Amino acid sequence: LLMRGDRMSNKSIDVSVYVLTYYHEKYIRQAIDSILSQKTKYRFEIVISDDCSKDGTVDILKEYVRKYPDIIRVKYNDTNIGIPKNVFQARCMCRGRYIVSLSGDDYWIDPLKIEKLASFLDDHREYIAVCNVMELRYDDESVPFNELPTKKERNIVFTLQDYEKGKIIYTHGFMMRNFFLTEEGRAYFKQAQSISDRVDDAVDNILLLRKGNMYVLDEVTDVYRVPRSKVGQNTYNARYSRVEKQRHSIELLNNLHNIFGDEINLKKKYTHSFSVALVDMFIGNKRKEYMGIYKTIPEQYRKPFFKGVLVSSIPEAICFSMNRVICKIKSIIK
């Protein structure tokens, strides 16, 4: 097995790892080192797109480029362009047959991640992407408080029909075939920027599943870092209030509906999204704000009332609240 990427020509790259950075001075070394420590027969490159960080992130990236010039390439944005555009930009820089993502504040814990995921796609050409399991850890803790997807959500095929049924596909750290090598592929995925200028996960799910099925492996390979406090954070979650994030979520679904509404039933997704709002609507006493957002949902998903999104979201809101309490208790016990 090869360590790191060695010297490589464009044509010899198998896997492109794209890393998105934004104020990740504290974490970026661990993220990059976790990639460089991969043991694999596949030749890989690391593509980094920094979204105008003003802390020490850029200096650290330049240090790594000097040390690994044949492996690491970096795009330094002069202005903040947001997650969807940054994702698209990074993917367009990728030259490998496969591409896999890593956020600058997360890291890999399996040195065979690339080997396992790339081998699977080599052996199973019927899938357009393969997903893995991630551990959720608070800040710098070494003990996870949760794993996603759950045991029953692993070793399964995930289809567009599953998405319509409300099932969740966790694409954190997933590996996909590189559609960005062609103009047609780039144009197709560029739609994500017009659907949402703030978040990309839901858009990715729709665009990918329209192309083919994904497979979910039972392999724990990534750590998703969860900050205990938003103080000093320059992330999406820290920047916007719950009401604003809910508005963004419904706007995203509305835009998906406008483009793919004749093809895809989004009721389950509206229900899941608004169930989170329902919890905050009562706890935070913000009925007016959230009901204003609710009224923007297409009428076909709101009526008839007793079968619409509002009533359907109540059971999910209860389950969501219970799961949050359970996770909190587990964290305290550990």
Protein backbone atom coordinates (compact mmCIF):
# COMPACT_ATOMS: atom_id res chain seq x y z
CA LEU A 1 0.00 0.00 0.00
CA LEU A 2 1.14 3.52 -0.78
CA MET A 3 1.47 6.16 1.90
CA ARG A 4 0.08 9.60 1.02
CA GLY A 5 -0.15 10.43 -2.65
CA ASP A 6 3.44 10.26 -3.94
CA ARG A 7 4.22 12.17 -7.13
CA MET A 8 1.47 11.87 -9.69
CA SER A 9 0.35 13.05 -13.08
CA ASN A 10 -3.20 14.28 -13.66
CA LYS A 11 -4.21 11.05 -15.38
CA SER A 12 -2.98 8.83 -12.55
CA ILE A 13 -5.16 10.33 -9.81
CA ASP A 14 -7.79 7.93 -8.52
CA VAL A 15 -9.31 9.90 -5.67
CA SER A 16 -9.64 13.63 -5.05
CA VAL A 17 -10.26 14.63 -1.44
CA TYR A 18 -11.78 18.09 -1.31
CA VAL A 19 -11.60 20.05 1.92
CA LEU A 20 -13.65 23.16 2.69
CA THR A 21 -12.09 25.55 5.17
CA TYR A 22 -13.46 28.62 6.95
CA TYR A 23 -11.92 29.81 10.21
CA HIS A 24 -10.52 26.35 10.91
CA GLU A 25 -7.16 27.38 12.37
CA LYS A 26 -7.69 25.18 15.45
CA TYR A 27 -8.63 22.03 13.54
CA ILE A 28 -7.21 22.06 10.00
CA ARG A 29 -3.92 20.31 10.83
CA GLN A 30 -5.75 17.29 12.22
CA ALA A 31 -8.03 17.20 9.17
CA ILE A 32 -5.18 17.26 6.64
CA ASP A 33 -3.00 14.85 8.63
CA SER A 34 -5.85 12.35 8.77
CA ILE A 35 -5.89 12.35 4.95
CA LEU A 36 -2.13 12.14 4.58
CA SER A 37 -2.06 9.13 6.90
CA GLN A 38 -4.23 7.06 4.54
CA LYS A 39 -2.82 3.67 3.55
CA THR A 40 -4.05 2.80 0.09
CA LYS A 41 -3.09 1.56 -3.34
CA TYR A 42 -5.12 4.42 -4.81
CA ARG A 43 -3.30 7.61 -5.72
CA PHE A 44 -4.99 10.65 -4.25
CA GLU A 45 -4.76 14.41 -4.20
CA ILE A 46 -6.02 16.93 -1.65
CA VAL A 47 -7.94 19.92 -3.01
CA ILE A 48 -8.71 22.71 -0.55
CA SER A 49 -10.99 25.69 -1.05
CA ASP A 50 -10.74 28.31 1.67
CA ASP A 51 -13.72 30.64 1.90
CA CYS A 52 -11.86 33.80 2.94
CA SER A 53 -10.72 32.82 6.44
CA LYS A 54 -9.28 35.72 8.44
CA ASP A 55 -7.68 33.69 11.21
CA GLY A 56 -4.52 31.59 10.86
CA THR A 57 -6.08 28.99 8.52
CA VAL A 58 -4.48 30.38 5.34
CA ASP A 59 -0.98 30.43 6.84
CA ILE A 60 -1.32 26.79 7.87
CA LEU A 61 -2.57 25.82 4.41
CA LYS A 62 0.40 27.53 2.77
CA GLU A 63 2.69 25.60 5.09
CA TYR A 64 1.18 22.30 3.98
CA VAL A 65 1.36 23.27 0.29
CA ARG A 66 5.08 23.98 0.68
CA LYS A 67 5.56 20.62 2.37
CA TYR A 68 3.37 18.57 -0.01
CA PRO A 69 3.34 20.46 -3.34
CA ASP A 70 2.65 17.31 -5.37
CA ILE A 71 -0.36 16.34 -3.30
CA ILE A 72 -2.08 19.53 -2.09
CA ARG A 73 -3.64 22.33 -4.14
CA VAL A 74 -5.46 25.28 -2.55
CA LYS A 75 -7.85 27.93 -3.81
CA TYR A 76 -7.89 31.03 -1.61
CA ASN A 77 -11.12 32.98 -2.03
CA ASP A 78 -10.76 36.74 -1.69
CA THR A 79 -14.39 37.06 -0.58
CA ASN A 80 -16.76 34.72 1.24
CA ILE A 81 -18.81 32.89 -1.40
CA GLY A 82 -20.81 30.57 0.86
CA ILE A 83 -20.99 26.78 1.17
CA PRO A 84 -22.78 25.76 -2.08
CA LYS A 85 -20.50 27.83 -4.32
CA ASN A 86 -17.44 26.73 -2.39
CA VAL A 87 -18.44 23.07 -2.74
CA PHE A 88 -18.96 23.50 -6.48
CA GLN A 89 -15.64 25.30 -6.87
CA ALA A 90 -13.74 22.60 -4.96
CA ARG A 91 -15.39 19.78 -6.89
CA CYS A 92 -14.51 21.41 -10.21
CA MET A 93 -10.86 21.39 -9.10
CA CYS A 94 -10.92 17.63 -8.54
CA ARG A 95 -9.10 15.46 -11.11
CA GLY A 96 -9.66 11.98 -9.68
CA ARG A 97 -12.10 9.31 -10.83
CA TYR A 98 -13.75 9.57 -7.43
CA ILE A 99 -14.21 12.52 -5.10
CA VAL A 100 -14.70 12.51 -1.33
CA SER A 101 -15.24 15.43 1.03
CA LEU A 102 -13.92 16.46 4.42
CA SER A 103 -14.78 19.62 6.32
CA GLY A 104 -11.81 21.51 7.72
CA ASP A 105 -13.02 21.06 11.29
CA ASP A 106 -13.62 17.30 11.03
CA TYR A 107 -11.22 14.39 10.54
CA TRP A 108 -10.92 10.75 9.54
CA ILE A 109 -10.26 7.95 12.04
CA ASP A 110 -9.88 5.05 9.62
CA PRO A 111 -6.55 4.98 7.71
CA LEU A 112 -8.21 2.67 5.17
CA LYS A 113 -11.16 4.96 4.39
CA ILE A 114 -10.04 5.74 0.84
CA GLU A 115 -9.11 2.10 0.21
CA LYS A 116 -12.47 0.78 1.40
CA LEU A 117 -14.72 3.29 -0.36
CA ALA A 118 -12.82 3.41 -3.66
CA SER A 119 -12.59 -0.39 -3.81
CA PHE A 120 -16.33 -0.62 -3.27
CA LEU A 121 -17.07 1.74 -6.17
CA ASP A 122 -14.61 -0.15 -8.37
CA ASP A 123 -16.40 -3.41 -7.61
CA HIS A 124 -19.96 -2.05 -7.74
CA ARG A 125 -20.42 0.11 -10.81
CA GLU A 126 -24.19 0.11 -10.30
CA TYR A 127 -23.85 2.72 -7.53
CA ILE A 128 -23.04 6.37 -8.08
CA ALA A 129 -21.84 6.92 -4.51
CA VAL A 130 -21.00 5.10 -1.29
CA CYS A 131 -21.60 6.41 2.23
CA ASN A 132 -19.95 5.61 5.54
CA VAL A 133 -20.62 5.98 9.27
CA MET A 134 -19.55 9.03 11.25
CA GLU A 135 -18.98 9.46 14.96
CA LEU A 136 -20.34 12.60 16.58
CA ARG A 137 -17.92 14.03 19.13
CA TYR A 138 -17.97 17.24 21.13
CA ASP A 139 -15.04 19.52 20.30
CA ASP A 140 -11.78 17.70 21.13
CA GLU A 141 -13.31 14.76 23.00
CA SER A 142 -12.17 11.28 21.99
CA VAL A 143 -15.40 9.50 22.98
CA PRO A 144 -18.38 9.76 20.60
CA PHE A 145 -21.83 10.55 21.93
CA ASN A 146 -23.58 9.18 18.83
CA GLU A 147 -23.07 7.43 15.49
CA LEU A 148 -24.87 8.12 12.22
CA PRO A 149 -26.34 6.39 10.33
CA THR A 150 -27.80 4.01 12.89
CA LYS A 151 -27.20 0.26 12.74
CA LYS A 152 -30.46 -0.40 10.90
CA GLU A 153 -29.57 2.24 8.30
CA ARG A 154 -26.33 0.51 7.24
CA ASN A 155 -25.55 -2.11 4.59
CA ILE A 156 -28.48 -0.92 2.53
CA VAL A 157 -29.16 0.51 -0.90
CA PHE A 158 -30.57 4.05 -0.79
CA THR A 159 -32.81 5.20 -3.64
CA LEU A 160 -34.76 8.28 -4.64
CA GLN A 161 -37.90 6.47 -3.52
CA ASP A 162 -36.39 6.08 -0.05
CA TYR A 163 -35.76 9.81 0.01
CA GLU A 164 -39.40 10.48 -0.86
CA LYS A 165 -40.47 8.21 1.99
CA GLY A 166 -38.67 10.49 4.41
CA LYS A 167 -35.65 8.29 5.05
CA ILE A 168 -32.41 10.13 5.75
CA ILE A 169 -29.21 9.60 3.78
CA TYR A 170 -26.10 10.76 5.62
CA THR A 171 -23.62 12.00 3.03
CA HIS A 172 -20.99 13.29 5.44
CA GLY A 173 -17.67 12.08 4.03
CA PHE A 174 -19.28 10.03 1.26
CA MET A 175 -17.42 9.15 -1.94
CA MET A 176 -19.01 9.73 -5.34
CA ARG A 177 -18.07 9.21 -8.96
CA ASN A 178 -16.57 12.39 -10.36
CA PHE A 179 -19.26 13.95 -12.55
CA PHE A 180 -17.37 17.24 -12.56
CA LEU A 181 -14.88 16.16 -15.21
CA THR A 182 -17.38 17.00 -17.95
CA GLU A 183 -19.17 20.24 -18.82
CA GLU A 184 -22.49 18.42 -18.74
CA GLY A 185 -21.84 17.18 -15.21
CA ARG A 186 -20.72 20.59 -13.98
CA ALA A 187 -23.79 22.26 -15.44
CA TYR A 188 -26.09 19.72 -13.80
CA PHE A 189 -24.66 20.18 -10.30
CA LYS A 190 -24.36 23.95 -10.66
CA GLN A 191 -28.13 23.99 -10.10
CA ALA A 192 -27.40 23.64 -6.39
CA GLN A 193 -26.31 27.27 -6.22
CA SER A 194 -29.66 28.54 -7.49
CA ILE A 195 -31.60 26.20 -5.19
CA SER A 196 -29.84 27.39 -2.03
CA ASP A 197 -27.02 29.84 -1.44
CA ARG A 198 -26.51 28.75 2.18
CA VAL A 199 -26.79 24.96 2.56
CA ASP A 200 -26.08 22.09 0.19
CA ASP A 201 -26.88 18.70 1.76
CA ALA A 202 -30.51 18.39 0.67
CA VAL A 203 -29.65 19.64 -2.81
CA ASP A 204 -26.86 17.08 -3.09
CA ASN A 205 -29.24 14.30 -2.13
CA ILE A 206 -31.76 15.15 -4.82
CA LEU A 207 -29.23 15.76 -7.58
CA LEU A 208 -27.29 12.58 -6.84
CA LEU A 209 -30.26 10.28 -6.35
CA ARG A 210 -31.76 11.45 -9.65
CA LYS A 211 -28.61 10.01 -11.25
CA GLY A 212 -28.60 6.67 -9.45
CA ASN A 213 -28.58 4.73 -6.20
CA MET A 214 -26.17 5.03 -3.28
CA TYR A 215 -24.95 2.34 -0.93
CA VAL A 216 -24.42 2.76 2.81
CA LEU A 217 -21.50 0.80 4.27
CA ASP A 218 -21.16 -0.30 7.88
CA GLU A 219 -17.76 1.36 8.20
CA VAL A 220 -16.99 3.99 10.85
CA THR A 221 -14.50 6.29 9.13
CA ASP A 222 -15.19 9.93 10.06
CA VAL A 223 -15.55 12.19 13.08
CA TYR A 224 -18.09 14.98 12.88
CA ARG A 225 -17.04 17.60 15.40
CA VAL A 226 -19.88 19.22 17.37
CA PRO A 227 -19.01 22.46 19.22
CA ARG A 228 -20.45 22.72 22.72
CA SER A 229 -20.82 26.47 22.35
CA LYS A 230 -21.48 28.81 19.44
CA VAL A 231 -19.35 31.53 21.04
CA GLY A 232 -16.56 32.51 18.68
CA GLN A 233 -17.80 30.16 15.96
CA ASN A 234 -17.95 31.37 12.36
CA THR A 235 -20.19 28.58 11.17
CA TYR A 236 -23.62 28.59 9.56
CA ASN A 237 -25.24 27.32 12.75
CA ALA A 238 -23.63 30.04 14.84
CA ARG A 239 -24.38 32.84 12.40
CA TYR A 240 -28.14 32.39 12.05
CA SER A 241 -30.99 32.08 14.53
CA ARG A 242 -33.28 29.04 14.64
CA VAL A 243 -36.00 31.00 12.87
CA GLU A 244 -33.63 32.08 10.10
CA LYS A 245 -32.33 28.53 9.62
CA GLN A 246 -35.88 27.21 9.42
CA ARG A 247 -36.72 29.84 6.80
CA HIS A 248 -33.66 28.78 4.79
CA SER A 249 -34.68 25.13 5.07
CA ILE A 250 -38.21 25.73 3.78
CA GLU A 251 -36.93 28.06 1.05
CA LEU A 252 -34.60 25.28 -0.10
CA LEU A 253 -37.48 22.79 -0.28
CA ASN A 254 -39.64 25.35 -2.08
CA ASN A 255 -36.94 25.81 -4.69
CA LEU A 256 -36.57 22.04 -5.08
CA HIS A 257 -40.34 21.84 -5.50
CA ASN A 258 -40.28 24.52 -8.21
CA ILE A 259 -37.72 22.53 -10.22
CA PHE A 260 -38.53 18.89 -9.44
CA GLY A 261 -42.07 19.08 -8.03
CA ASP A 262 -43.64 17.16 -10.92
CA GLU A 263 -41.13 14.35 -10.42
CA ILE A 264 -40.52 14.13 -6.66
CA ASN A 265 -42.97 14.15 -3.73
CA LEU A 266 -41.46 16.33 -1.00
CA LYS A 267 -44.16 16.04 1.66
CA LYS A 268 -42.05 13.89 3.98
CA LYS A 269 -39.16 16.34 3.68
CA TYR A 270 -41.41 19.31 4.47
CA THR A 271 -42.80 17.39 7.44
CA HIS A 272 -39.35 16.52 8.79
CA SER A 273 -38.11 20.08 8.36
CA PHE A 274 -41.10 21.71 10.00
CA SER A 275 -41.10 19.25 12.92
CA VAL A 276 -37.91 20.95 14.12
CA ALA A 277 -39.63 24.32 13.83
CA LEU A 278 -42.61 23.04 15.76
CA VAL A 279 -40.47 22.30 18.81
CA ASP A 280 -38.96 25.78 18.85
CA MET A 281 -42.32 27.39 18.07
CA PHE A 282 -43.72 26.24 21.40
CA ILE A 283 -40.57 26.31 23.52
CA GLY A 284 -39.46 29.69 22.21
CA ASN A 285 -42.99 31.13 21.96
CA LYS A 286 -42.45 32.15 18.33
CA ARG A 287 -45.73 31.09 16.78
CA LYS A 288 -46.06 34.15 14.54
CA GLU A 289 -42.58 33.77 13.01
CA TYR A 290 -42.85 30.06 12.31
CA MET A 291 -46.41 30.16 11.03
CA GLY A 292 -45.30 32.84 8.59
CA ILE A 293 -42.71 30.40 7.28
CA TYR A 294 -45.27 27.59 7.21
CA LYS A 295 -47.56 29.60 4.93
CA THR A 296 -44.84 29.67 2.24
CA ILE A 297 -45.07 25.87 1.86
CA PRO A 298 -46.94 24.91 -1.34
CA GLU A 299 -50.67 24.45 -0.73
CA GLN A 300 -50.62 20.86 -1.97
CA TYR A 301 -48.51 19.94 1.07
CA ARG A 302 -50.54 21.99 3.57
CA LYS A 303 -54.00 20.75 2.63
CA PRO A 304 -56.15 19.02 3.64
CA PHE A 305 -55.20 20.34 7.09
CA PHE A 306 -55.48 17.07 9.04
CA LYS A 307 -53.26 15.29 6.48
CA GLY A 308 -51.01 18.24 5.79
CA VAL A 309 -47.49 19.08 6.92
CA LEU A 310 -48.47 20.84 10.16
CA VAL A 311 -50.39 17.93 11.70
CA SER A 312 -47.98 15.34 10.26
CA SER A 313 -45.03 17.10 11.86
CA ILE A 314 -46.37 16.73 15.43
CA PRO A 315 -45.28 13.08 15.98
CA GLU A 316 -41.87 13.83 14.47
CA ALA A 317 -41.49 16.87 16.74
CA ILE A 318 -42.12 14.66 19.78
CA CYS A 319 -39.57 12.07 18.58
CA PHE A 320 -37.05 14.82 17.81
CA SER A 321 -37.37 16.22 21.34
CA MET A 322 -36.98 12.79 22.93
CA ASN A 323 -33.88 11.99 20.86
CA ARG A 324 -32.25 15.26 21.88
CA VAL A 325 -32.86 14.45 25.54
CA ILE A 326 -31.46 10.92 25.13
CA CYS A 327 -28.30 12.22 23.41
CA LYS A 328 -27.83 14.78 26.16
CA ILE A 329 -28.15 12.12 28.85
CA LYS A 330 -25.66 9.84 27.05
CA SER A 331 -23.21 12.73 26.83
CA ILE A 332 -23.49 13.45 30.55
CA ILE A 333 -23.07 9.78 31.49
CA LYS A 334 -19.94 9.40 29.34
